[in-house]
Amino acid sequence: MAALLASDRPVVVSGTVENQGRFYDRFEAVILLSAPADILLERVAARTNNPYGQAEAEQSLIRHHVADVEPLLRKGASHELDSRRPISELADEVQRLIHSSHQT
């Protein structure tokens, strides 16, 4: 991770891990993609390539993460994007943020 972040090339990392805050000072932007719990549950229910979220216990965990973890992620984010927007708009906005951050 350190070598990637030390390069001059723009780097986009996706995911959530317990210690991610340790790296925030190395990122020019930290983007939170958010959506209400009901939207997330609809999305996981509609997936055909991943069974996660089908069980009630997993759905409960998703609700817990939205209620308890997402606010913590929001505090560390420099930007928040509503992932109910069309994917092309989200991609364009992420690209714009990468471009504007890399210009400085």
PDB file of N, CA and C in Angstrom:
ATOM      1  N   MET A   1       0.823  -1.174   0.000  1.00  0.00           N
ATOM      2  CA  MET A   1       0.000   0.000   0.000  1.00  0.00           C
ATOM      3  C   MET A   1       0.873   1.245   0.000  1.00  0.00           C
ATOM      4  N   ALA A   2       1.912   1.237   0.795  1.00  0.00           N
ATOM      5  CA  ALA A   2       2.787   2.411   0.882  1.00  0.00           C
ATOM      6  C   ALA A   2       3.419   2.730  -0.470  1.00  0.00           C
ATOM      7  N   ALA A   3       3.860   1.710  -1.203  1.00  0.00           N
ATOM      8  CA  ALA A   3       4.471   1.937  -2.520  1.00  0.00           C
ATOM      9  C   ALA A   3       3.455   2.502  -3.502  1.00  0.00           C
ATOM     10  N   LEU A   4       2.246   1.979  -3.493  1.00  0.00           N
ATOM     11  CA  LEU A   4       1.203   2.509  -4.376  1.00  0.00           C
ATOM     12  C   LEU A   4       0.917   3.969  -4.075  1.00  0.00           C
ATOM     13  N   LEU A   5       0.776   4.287  -2.811  1.00  0.00           N
ATOM     14  CA  LEU A   5       0.436   5.654  -2.428  1.00  0.00           C
ATOM     15  C   LEU A   5       1.589   6.630  -2.634  1.00  0.00           C
ATOM     16  N   ALA A   6       2.809   6.122  -2.705  1.00  0.00           N
ATOM     17  CA  ALA A   6       3.967   6.981  -2.923  1.00  0.00           C
ATOM     18  C   ALA A   6       4.188   7.298  -4.401  1.00  0.00           C
ATOM     19  N   SER A   7       3.509   6.602  -5.289  1.00  0.00           N
ATOM     20  CA  SER A   7       3.702   6.836  -6.718  1.00  0.00           C
ATOM     21  C   SER A   7       3.046   8.138  -7.143  1.00  0.00           C
ATOM     22  N   ASP A   8       3.436   8.620  -8.325  1.00  0.00           N
ATOM     23  CA  ASP A   8       2.865   9.851  -8.874  1.00  0.00           C
ATOM     24  C   ASP A   8       1.551   9.608  -9.603  1.00  0.00           C
ATOM     25  N   ARG A   9       1.206   8.349  -9.793  1.00  0.00           N
ATOM     26  CA  ARG A   9      -0.011   8.014 -10.530  1.00  0.00           C
ATOM     27  C   ARG A   9      -1.221   8.045  -9.596  1.00  0.00           C
ATOM     28  N   PRO A  10      -2.362   8.451 -10.120  1.00  0.00           N
ATOM     29  CA  PRO A  10      -3.571   8.385  -9.297  1.00  0.00           C
ATOM     30  C   PRO A  10      -3.890   6.931  -8.927  1.00  0.00           C
ATOM     31  N   VAL A  11      -4.279   6.721  -7.689  1.00  0.00           N
ATOM     32  CA  VAL A  11      -4.616   5.393  -7.193  1.00  0.00           C
ATOM     33  C   VAL A  11      -6.013   5.457  -6.580  1.00  0.00           C
ATOM     34  N   VAL A  12      -6.856   4.518  -6.962  1.00  0.00           N
ATOM     35  CA  VAL A  12      -8.192   4.413  -6.380  1.00  0.00           C
ATOM     36  C   VAL A  12      -8.256   3.080  -5.654  1.00  0.00           C
ATOM     37  N   VAL A  13      -8.640   3.131  -4.385  1.00  0.00           N
ATOM     38  CA  VAL A  13      -8.751   1.940  -3.562  1.00  0.00           C
ATOM     39  C   VAL A  13     -10.202   1.842  -3.115  1.00  0.00           C
ATOM     40  N   SER A  14     -10.752   0.648  -3.178  1.00  0.00           N
ATOM     41  CA  SER A  14     -12.140   0.445  -2.775  1.00  0.00           C
ATOM     42  C   SER A  14     -12.194  -0.604  -1.680  1.00  0.00           C
ATOM     43  N   GLY A  15     -13.021  -0.360  -0.686  1.00  0.00           N
ATOM     44  CA  GLY A  15     -13.199  -1.343   0.367  1.00  0.00           C
ATOM     45  C   GLY A  15     -13.272  -0.692   1.724  1.00  0.00           C
ATOM     46  N   THR A  16     -13.499  -1.507   2.713  1.00  0.00           N
ATOM     47  CA  THR A  16     -13.563  -1.033   4.091  1.00  0.00           C
ATOM     48  C   THR A  16     -12.868  -2.067   4.967  1.00  0.00           C
ATOM     49  N   VAL A  17     -11.912  -1.583   5.740  1.00  0.00           N
ATOM     50  CA  VAL A  17     -11.231  -2.434   6.716  1.00  0.00           C
ATOM     51  C   VAL A  17     -11.112  -1.658   8.024  1.00  0.00           C
ATOM     52  N   GLU A  18     -10.937  -2.378   9.094  1.00  0.00           N
ATOM     53  CA  GLU A  18     -10.940  -1.765  10.414  1.00  0.00           C
ATOM     54  C   GLU A  18      -9.864  -0.692  10.583  1.00  0.00           C
ATOM     55  N   ASN A  19      -8.704  -0.867   9.971  1.00  0.00           N
ATOM     56  CA  ASN A  19      -7.591   0.066  10.182  1.00  0.00           C
ATOM     57  C   ASN A  19      -7.435   1.092   9.056  1.00  0.00           C
ATOM     58  N   GLN A  20      -8.439   1.275   8.225  1.00  0.00           N
ATOM     59  CA  GLN A  20      -8.284   2.141   7.060  1.00  0.00           C
ATOM     60  C   GLN A  20      -7.945   3.585   7.431  1.00  0.00           C
ATOM     61  N   GLY A  21      -8.392   4.054   8.583  1.00  0.00           N
ATOM     62  CA  GLY A  21      -8.097   5.420   8.996  1.00  0.00           C
ATOM     63  C   GLY A  21      -6.612   5.707   9.111  1.00  0.00           C
ATOM     64  N   ARG A  22      -5.821   4.688   9.316  1.00  0.00           N
ATOM     65  CA  ARG A  22      -4.357   4.871   9.392  1.00  0.00           C
ATOM     66  C   ARG A  22      -3.780   5.411   8.096  1.00  0.00           C
ATOM     67  N   PHE A  23      -4.480   5.192   6.985  1.00  0.00           N
ATOM     68  CA  PHE A  23      -3.962   5.594   5.685  1.00  0.00           C
ATOM     69  C   PHE A  23      -4.570   6.899   5.181  1.00  0.00           C
ATOM     70  N   TYR A  24      -5.569   7.440   5.849  1.00  0.00           N
ATOM     71  CA  TYR A  24      -6.290   8.599   5.332  1.00  0.00           C
ATOM     72  C   TYR A  24      -5.378   9.780   5.022  1.00  0.00           C
ATOM     73  N   ASP A  25      -4.359   9.994   5.844  1.00  0.00           N
ATOM     74  CA  ASP A  25      -3.477  11.138   5.605  1.00  0.00           C
ATOM     75  C   ASP A  25      -2.651  10.982   4.327  1.00  0.00           C
ATOM     76  N   ARG A  26      -2.637   9.806   3.742  1.00  0.00           N
ATOM     77  CA  ARG A  26      -1.894   9.568   2.500  1.00  0.00           C
ATOM     78  C   ARG A  26      -2.772   9.721   1.265  1.00  0.00           C
ATOM     79  N   PHE A  27      -4.068   9.880   1.471  1.00  0.00           N
ATOM     80  CA  PHE A  27      -4.999  10.037   0.353  1.00  0.00           C
ATOM     81  C   PHE A  27      -5.352  11.497   0.172  1.00  0.00           C
ATOM     82  N   GLU A  28      -5.479  11.900  -1.067  1.00  0.00           N
ATOM     83  CA  GLU A  28      -5.919  13.255  -1.363  1.00  0.00           C
ATOM     84  C   GLU A  28      -7.424  13.381  -1.209  1.00  0.00           C
ATOM     85  N   ALA A  29      -8.134  12.280  -1.337  1.00  0.00           N
ATOM     86  CA  ALA A  29      -9.587  12.274  -1.151  1.00  0.00           C
ATOM     87  C   ALA A  29     -10.009  10.922  -0.602  1.00  0.00           C
ATOM     88  N   VAL A  30     -10.999  10.954   0.273  1.00  0.00           N
ATOM     89  CA  VAL A  30     -11.620   9.738   0.795  1.00  0.00           C
ATOM     90  C   VAL A  30     -13.107   9.889   0.495  1.00  0.00           C
ATOM     91  N   ILE A  31     -13.607   9.026  -0.368  1.00  0.00           N
ATOM     92  CA  ILE A  31     -14.976   9.140  -0.851  1.00  0.00           C
ATOM     93  C   ILE A  31     -15.835   8.046  -0.229  1.00  0.00           C
ATOM     94  N   LEU A  32     -16.933   8.457   0.368  1.00  0.00           N
ATOM     95  CA  LEU A  32     -17.918   7.516   0.890  1.00  0.00           C
ATOM     96  C   LEU A  32     -19.048   7.402  -0.122  1.00  0.00           C
ATOM     97  N   LEU A  33     -19.266   6.208  -0.630  1.00  0.00           N
ATOM     98  CA  LEU A  33     -20.437   5.931  -1.466  1.00  0.00           C
ATOM     99  C   LEU A  33     -21.524   5.428  -0.531  1.00  0.00           C
ATOM    100  N   SER A  34     -22.619   6.156  -0.435  1.00  0.00           N
ATOM    101  CA  SER A  34     -23.652   5.793   0.522  1.00  0.00           C
ATOM    102  C   SER A  34     -25.001   5.592  -0.160  1.00  0.00           C
ATOM    103  N   ALA A  35     -25.852   4.850   0.534  1.00  0.00           N
ATOM    104  CA  ALA A  35     -27.237   4.635   0.109  1.00  0.00           C
ATOM    105  C   ALA A  35     -28.013   4.211   1.349  1.00  0.00           C
ATOM    106  N   PRO A  36     -29.302   4.514   1.383  1.00  0.00           N
ATOM    107  CA  PRO A  36     -30.108   4.068   2.519  1.00  0.00           C
ATOM    108  C   PRO A  36     -30.137   2.543   2.611  1.00  0.00           C
ATOM    109  N   ALA A  37     -30.353   2.051   3.823  1.00  0.00           N
ATOM    110  CA  ALA A  37     -30.347   0.610   4.066  1.00  0.00           C
ATOM    111  C   ALA A  37     -31.334  -0.131   3.174  1.00  0.00           C
ATOM    112  N   ASP A  38     -32.521   0.431   2.960  1.00  0.00           N
ATOM    113  CA  ASP A  38     -33.504  -0.278   2.137  1.00  0.00           C
ATOM    114  C   ASP A  38     -33.029  -0.451   0.702  1.00  0.00           C
ATOM    115  N   ILE A  39     -32.309   0.517   0.194  1.00  0.00           N
ATOM    116  CA  ILE A  39     -31.751   0.410  -1.161  1.00  0.00           C
ATOM    117  C   ILE A  39     -30.666  -0.661  -1.187  1.00  0.00           C
ATOM    118  N   LEU A  40     -29.801  -0.657  -0.196  1.00  0.00           N
ATOM    119  CA  LEU A  40     -28.746  -1.673  -0.135  1.00  0.00           C
ATOM    120  C   LEU A  40     -29.347  -3.071  -0.053  1.00  0.00           C
ATOM    121  N   LEU A  41     -30.374  -3.224   0.751  1.00  0.00           N
ATOM    122  CA  LEU A  41     -31.014  -4.538   0.883  1.00  0.00           C
ATOM    123  C   LEU A  41     -31.683  -4.965  -0.419  1.00  0.00           C
ATOM    124  N   GLU A  42     -32.297  -4.029  -1.139  1.00  0.00           N
ATOM    125  CA  GLU A  42     -32.870  -4.346  -2.453  1.00  0.00           C
ATOM    126  C   GLU A  42     -31.775  -4.810  -3.411  1.00  0.00           C
ATOM    127  N   ARG A  43     -30.638  -4.140  -3.367  1.00  0.00           N
ATOM    128  CA  ARG A  43     -29.539  -4.475  -4.285  1.00  0.00           C
ATOM    129  C   ARG A  43     -28.968  -5.856  -4.004  1.00  0.00           C
ATOM    130  N   VAL A  44     -28.753  -6.175  -2.735  1.00  0.00           N
ATOM    131  CA  VAL A  44     -28.191  -7.499  -2.450  1.00  0.00           C
ATOM    132  C   VAL A  44     -29.207  -8.595  -2.734  1.00  0.00           C
ATOM    133  N   ALA A  45     -30.491  -8.298  -2.543  1.00  0.00           N
ATOM    134  CA  ALA A  45     -31.533  -9.297  -2.834  1.00  0.00           C
ATOM    135  C   ALA A  45     -31.617  -9.588  -4.325  1.00  0.00           C
ATOM    136  N   ALA A  46     -31.296  -8.620  -5.148  1.00  0.00           N
ATOM    137  CA  ALA A  46     -31.411  -8.774  -6.605  1.00  0.00           C
ATOM    138  C   ALA A  46     -30.170  -9.402  -7.242  1.00  0.00           C
ATOM    139  N   ARG A  47     -29.086  -9.505  -6.491  1.00  0.00           N
ATOM    140  CA  ARG A  47     -27.857 -10.074  -7.063  1.00  0.00           C
ATOM    141  C   ARG A  47     -28.022 -11.552  -7.373  1.00  0.00           C
ATOM    142  N   THR A  48     -27.386 -11.958  -8.441  1.00  0.00           N
ATOM    143  CA  THR A  48     -27.400 -13.377  -8.804  1.00  0.00           C
ATOM    144  C   THR A  48     -26.010 -13.992  -8.706  1.00  0.00           C
ATOM    145  N   ASN A  49     -24.992 -13.170  -8.496  1.00  0.00           N
ATOM    146  CA  ASN A  49     -23.619 -13.672  -8.493  1.00  0.00           C
ATOM    147  C   ASN A  49     -22.994 -13.737  -7.103  1.00  0.00           C
ATOM    148  N   ASN A  50     -23.779 -13.427  -6.061  1.00  0.00           N
ATOM    149  CA  ASN A  50     -23.236 -13.429  -4.715  1.00  0.00           C
ATOM    150  C   ASN A  50     -24.391 -13.646  -3.737  1.00  0.00           C
ATOM    151  N   PRO A  51     -24.359 -14.680  -2.942  1.00  0.00           N
ATOM    152  CA  PRO A  51     -25.473 -14.965  -2.044  1.00  0.00           C
ATOM    153  C   PRO A  51     -25.508 -14.100  -0.781  1.00  0.00           C
ATOM    154  N   TYR A  52     -24.448 -13.323  -0.524  1.00  0.00           N
ATOM    155  CA  TYR A  52     -24.431 -12.525   0.701  1.00  0.00           C
ATOM    156  C   TYR A  52     -25.616 -11.554   0.722  1.00  0.00           C
ATOM    157  N   GLY A  53     -26.301 -11.509   1.842  1.00  0.00           N
ATOM    158  CA  GLY A  53     -27.427 -10.616   2.013  1.00  0.00           C
ATOM    159  C   GLY A  53     -28.765 -11.288   1.847  1.00  0.00           C
ATOM    160  N   GLN A  54     -28.746 -12.559   1.497  1.00  0.00           N
ATOM    161  CA  GLN A  54     -30.008 -13.289   1.341  1.00  0.00           C
ATOM    162  C   GLN A  54     -30.582 -13.726   2.693  1.00  0.00           C
ATOM    163  N   ALA A  55     -29.722 -14.034   3.627  1.00  0.00           N
ATOM    164  CA  ALA A  55     -30.165 -14.501   4.947  1.00  0.00           C
ATOM    165  C   ALA A  55     -30.554 -13.318   5.832  1.00  0.00           C
ATOM    166  N   GLU A  56     -31.528 -13.542   6.695  1.00  0.00           N
ATOM    167  CA  GLU A  56     -32.006 -12.477   7.592  1.00  0.00           C
ATOM    168  C   GLU A  56     -30.884 -11.954   8.486  1.00  0.00           C
ATOM    169  N   ALA A  57     -30.004 -12.839   8.956  1.00  0.00           N
ATOM    170  CA  ALA A  57     -28.891 -12.401   9.805  1.00  0.00           C
ATOM    171  C   ALA A  57     -27.966 -11.448   9.051  1.00  0.00           C
ATOM    172  N   GLU A  58     -27.727 -11.718   7.777  1.00  0.00           N
ATOM    173  CA  GLU A  58     -26.881 -10.837   6.959  1.00  0.00           C
ATOM    174  C   GLU A  58     -27.579  -9.506   6.701  1.00  0.00           C
ATOM    175  N   GLN A  59     -28.874  -9.542   6.491  1.00  0.00           N
ATOM    176  CA  GLN A  59     -29.637  -8.311   6.291  1.00  0.00           C
ATOM    177  C   GLN A  59     -29.613  -7.462   7.563  1.00  0.00           C
ATOM    178  N   SER A  60     -29.695  -8.114   8.696  1.00  0.00           N
ATOM    179  CA  SER A  60     -29.606  -7.410   9.973  1.00  0.00           C
ATOM    180  C   SER A  60     -28.237  -6.758  10.138  1.00  0.00           C
ATOM    181  N   LEU A  61     -27.202  -7.461   9.732  1.00  0.00           N
ATOM    182  CA  LEU A  61     -25.852  -6.913   9.805  1.00  0.00           C
ATOM    183  C   LEU A  61     -25.699  -5.706   8.875  1.00  0.00           C
ATOM    184  N   ILE A  62     -26.285  -5.766   7.702  1.00  0.00           N
ATOM    185  CA  ILE A  62     -26.250  -4.630   6.778  1.00  0.00           C
ATOM    186  C   ILE A  62     -26.923  -3.421   7.434  1.00  0.00           C
ATOM    187  N   ARG A  63     -28.085  -3.629   8.039  1.00  0.00           N
ATOM    188  CA  ARG A  63     -28.777  -2.534   8.733  1.00  0.00           C
ATOM    189  C   ARG A  63     -27.901  -1.962   9.852  1.00  0.00           C
ATOM    190  N   HIS A  64     -27.257  -2.851  10.593  1.00  0.00           N
ATOM    191  CA  HIS A  64     -26.358  -2.411  11.672  1.00  0.00           C
ATOM    192  C   HIS A  64     -25.218  -1.559  11.107  1.00  0.00           C
ATOM    193  N   HIS A  65     -24.611  -2.013  10.026  1.00  0.00           N
ATOM    194  CA  HIS A  65     -23.498  -1.261   9.440  1.00  0.00           C
ATOM    195  C   HIS A  65     -23.933   0.121   8.975  1.00  0.00           C
ATOM    196  N   VAL A  66     -25.106   0.205   8.360  1.00  0.00           N
ATOM    197  CA  VAL A  66     -25.599   1.513   7.918  1.00  0.00           C
ATOM    198  C   VAL A  66     -25.842   2.427   9.124  1.00  0.00           C
ATOM    199  N   ALA A  67     -26.421   1.881  10.171  1.00  0.00           N
ATOM    200  CA  ALA A  67     -26.748   2.690  11.347  1.00  0.00           C
ATOM    201  C   ALA A  67     -25.530   3.058  12.194  1.00  0.00           C
ATOM    202  N   ASP A  68     -24.597   2.129  12.360  1.00  0.00           N
ATOM    203  CA  ASP A  68     -23.506   2.329  13.312  1.00  0.00           C
ATOM    204  C   ASP A  68     -22.137   2.575  12.685  1.00  0.00           C
ATOM    205  N   VAL A  69     -21.876   1.953  11.556  1.00  0.00           N
ATOM    206  CA  VAL A  69     -20.547   2.074  10.940  1.00  0.00           C
ATOM    207  C   VAL A  69     -20.503   3.223   9.939  1.00  0.00           C
ATOM    208  N   GLU A  70     -21.564   3.366   9.149  1.00  0.00           N
ATOM    209  CA  GLU A  70     -21.549   4.430   8.130  1.00  0.00           C
ATOM    210  C   GLU A  70     -21.289   5.821   8.720  1.00  0.00           C
ATOM    211  N   PRO A  71     -21.873   6.191   9.871  1.00  0.00           N
ATOM    212  CA  PRO A  71     -21.550   7.515  10.431  1.00  0.00           C
ATOM    213  C   PRO A  71     -20.062   7.687  10.741  1.00  0.00           C
ATOM    214  N   LEU A  72     -19.402   6.621  11.160  1.00  0.00           N
ATOM    215  CA  LEU A  72     -17.955   6.687  11.408  1.00  0.00           C
ATOM    216  C   LEU A  72     -17.194   6.887  10.100  1.00  0.00           C
ATOM    217  N   LEU A  73     -17.618   6.196   9.055  1.00  0.00           N
ATOM    218  CA  LEU A  73     -16.989   6.359   7.742  1.00  0.00           C
ATOM    219  C   LEU A  73     -17.224   7.769   7.214  1.00  0.00           C
ATOM    220  N   ARG A  74     -18.401   8.297   7.454  1.00  0.00           N
ATOM    221  CA  ARG A  74     -18.738   9.650   6.997  1.00  0.00           C
ATOM    222  C   ARG A  74     -17.807  10.681   7.634  1.00  0.00           C
ATOM    223  N   LYS A  75     -17.489  10.496   8.915  1.00  0.00           N
ATOM    224  CA  LYS A  75     -16.597  11.430   9.620  1.00  0.00           C
ATOM    225  C   LYS A  75     -15.220  11.487   8.974  1.00  0.00           C
ATOM    226  N   GLY A  76     -14.742  10.363   8.463  1.00  0.00           N
ATOM    227  CA  GLY A  76     -13.411  10.316   7.867  1.00  0.00           C
ATOM    228  C   GLY A  76     -13.382  10.667   6.396  1.00  0.00           C
ATOM    229  N   ALA A  77     -14.542  10.768   5.783  1.00  0.00           N
ATOM    230  CA  ALA A  77     -14.603  11.020   4.337  1.00  0.00           C
ATOM    231  C   ALA A  77     -14.435  12.509   4.030  1.00  0.00           C
ATOM    232  N   SER A  78     -13.777  12.774   2.927  1.00  0.00           N
ATOM    233  CA  SER A  78     -13.691  14.154   2.449  1.00  0.00           C
ATOM    234  C   SER A  78     -14.826  14.460   1.475  1.00  0.00           C
ATOM    235  N   HIS A  79     -15.444  13.422   0.941  1.00  0.00           N
ATOM    236  CA  HIS A  79     -16.562  13.555  -0.002  1.00  0.00           C
ATOM    237  C   HIS A  79     -17.533  12.405   0.239  1.00  0.00           C
ATOM    238  N   GLU A  80     -18.812  12.689   0.017  1.00  0.00           N
ATOM    239  CA  GLU A  80     -19.822  11.635   0.067  1.00  0.00           C
ATOM    240  C   GLU A  80     -20.639  11.707  -1.209  1.00  0.00           C
ATOM    241  N   LEU A  81     -20.791  10.567  -1.848  1.00  0.00           N
ATOM    242  CA  LEU A  81     -21.586  10.475  -3.071  1.00  0.00           C
ATOM    243  C   LEU A  81     -22.761   9.546  -2.822  1.00  0.00           C
ATOM    244  N   ASP A  82     -23.928   9.976  -3.243  1.00  0.00           N
ATOM    245  CA  ASP A  82     -25.147   9.187  -3.092  1.00  0.00           C
ATOM    246  C   ASP A  82     -25.164   8.139  -4.193  1.00  0.00           C
ATOM    247  N   SER A  83     -25.027   6.884  -3.811  1.00  0.00           N
ATOM    248  CA  SER A  83     -24.908   5.828  -4.819  1.00  0.00           C
ATOM    249  C   SER A  83     -26.237   5.432  -5.442  1.00  0.00           C
ATOM    250  N   ARG A  84     -27.297   6.188  -5.152  1.00  0.00           N
ATOM    251  CA  ARG A  84     -28.544   5.992  -5.889  1.00  0.00           C
ATOM    252  C   ARG A  84     -28.467   6.668  -7.254  1.00  0.00           C
ATOM    253  N   ARG A  85     -27.447   7.501  -7.445  1.00  0.00           N
ATOM    254  CA  ARG A  85     -27.251   8.143  -8.744  1.00  0.00           C
ATOM    255  C   ARG A  85     -26.828   7.092  -9.765  1.00  0.00           C
ATOM    256  N   PRO A  86     -27.072   7.363 -11.038  1.00  0.00           N
ATOM    257  CA  PRO A  86     -26.630   6.415 -12.071  1.00  0.00           C
ATOM    258  C   PRO A  86     -25.124   6.180 -11.990  1.00  0.00           C
ATOM    259  N   ILE A  87     -24.726   4.949 -12.264  1.00  0.00           N
ATOM    260  CA  ILE A  87     -23.310   4.569 -12.157  1.00  0.00           C
ATOM    261  C   ILE A  87     -22.416   5.443 -13.016  1.00  0.00           C
ATOM    262  N   SER A  88     -22.892   5.847 -14.183  1.00  0.00           N
ATOM    263  CA  SER A  88     -22.065   6.703 -15.052  1.00  0.00           C
ATOM    264  C   SER A  88     -21.813   8.058 -14.396  1.00  0.00           C
ATOM    265  N   GLU A  89     -22.807   8.597 -13.701  1.00  0.00           N
ATOM    266  CA  GLU A  89     -22.614   9.871 -12.989  1.00  0.00           C
ATOM    267  C   GLU A  89     -21.616   9.712 -11.844  1.00  0.00           C
ATOM    268  N   LEU A  90     -21.737   8.621 -11.109  1.00  0.00           N
ATOM    269  CA  LEU A  90     -20.806   8.374 -10.012  1.00  0.00           C
ATOM    270  C   LEU A  90     -19.376   8.239 -10.535  1.00  0.00           C
ATOM    271  N   ALA A  91     -19.220   7.486 -11.609  1.00  0.00           N
ATOM    272  CA  ALA A  91     -17.885   7.299 -12.200  1.00  0.00           C
ATOM    273  C   ALA A  91     -17.322   8.637 -12.663  1.00  0.00           C
ATOM    274  N   ASP A  92     -18.158   9.459 -13.295  1.00  0.00           N
ATOM    275  CA  ASP A  92     -17.705  10.783 -13.740  1.00  0.00           C
ATOM    276  C   ASP A  92     -17.284  11.647 -12.560  1.00  0.00           C
ATOM    277  N   GLU A  93     -18.047  11.593 -11.474  1.00  0.00           N
ATOM    278  CA  GLU A  93     -17.713  12.392 -10.291  1.00  0.00           C
ATOM    279  C   GLU A  93     -16.422  11.905  -9.644  1.00  0.00           C
ATOM    280  N   VAL A  94     -16.234  10.599  -9.537  1.00  0.00           N
ATOM    281  CA  VAL A  94     -14.978  10.070  -8.994  1.00  0.00           C
ATOM    282  C   VAL A  94     -13.815  10.497  -9.892  1.00  0.00           C
ATOM    283  N   GLN A  95     -13.989  10.402 -11.192  1.00  0.00           N
ATOM    284  CA  GLN A  95     -12.947  10.822 -12.129  1.00  0.00           C
ATOM    285  C   GLN A  95     -12.628  12.309 -11.953  1.00  0.00           C
ATOM    286  N   ARG A  96     -13.664  13.126 -11.775  1.00  0.00           N
ATOM    287  CA  ARG A  96     -13.454  14.561 -11.567  1.00  0.00           C
ATOM    288  C   ARG A  96     -12.659  14.798 -10.285  1.00  0.00           C
ATOM    289  N   LEU A  97     -13.011  14.078  -9.232  1.00  0.00           N
ATOM    290  CA  LEU A  97     -12.285  14.238  -7.957  1.00  0.00           C
ATOM    291  C   LEU A  97     -10.837  13.794  -8.101  1.00  0.00           C
ATOM    292  N   ILE A  98     -10.613  12.706  -8.810  1.00  0.00           N
ATOM    293  CA  ILE A  98      -9.236  12.240  -9.030  1.00  0.00           C
ATOM    294  C   ILE A  98      -8.454  13.295  -9.797  1.00  0.00           C
ATOM    295  N   HIS A  99      -9.055  13.789 -10.851  1.00  0.00           N
ATOM    296  CA  HIS A  99      -8.378  14.782 -11.701  1.00  0.00           C
ATOM    297  C   HIS A  99      -8.083  16.069 -10.923  1.00  0.00           C
ATOM    298  N   SER A 100      -9.073  16.558 -10.166  1.00  0.00           N
ATOM    299  CA  SER A 100      -8.850  17.819  -9.427  1.00  0.00           C
ATOM    300  C   SER A 100      -7.844  17.627  -8.307  1.00  0.00           C
ATOM    301  N   SER A 101      -7.855  16.476  -7.652  1.00  0.00           N
ATOM    302  CA  SER A 101      -6.898  16.218  -6.581  1.00  0.00           C
ATOM    303  C   SER A 101      -5.485  16.036  -7.124  1.00  0.00           C
ATOM    304  N   HIS A 102      -5.380  15.415  -8.288  1.00  0.00           N
ATOM    305  CA  HIS A 102      -4.062  15.143  -8.857  1.00  0.00           C
ATOM    306  C   HIS A 102      -3.433  16.388  -9.472  1.00  0.00           C
ATOM    307  N   GLN A 103      -4.219  17.411  -9.735  1.00  0.00           N
ATOM    308  CA  GLN A 103      -3.711  18.666 -10.308  1.00  0.00           C
ATOM    309  C   GLN A 103      -2.956  19.485  -9.296  1.00  0.00           C
ATOM    310  N   THR A 104      -3.259  19.294  -8.009  1.00  0.00           N
ATOM    311  CA  THR A 104      -2.642  20.126  -6.985  1.00  0.00           C
ATOM    312  C   THR A 104      -1.279  19.659  -6.600  1.00  0.00           C
TER     313      THR A 104
END
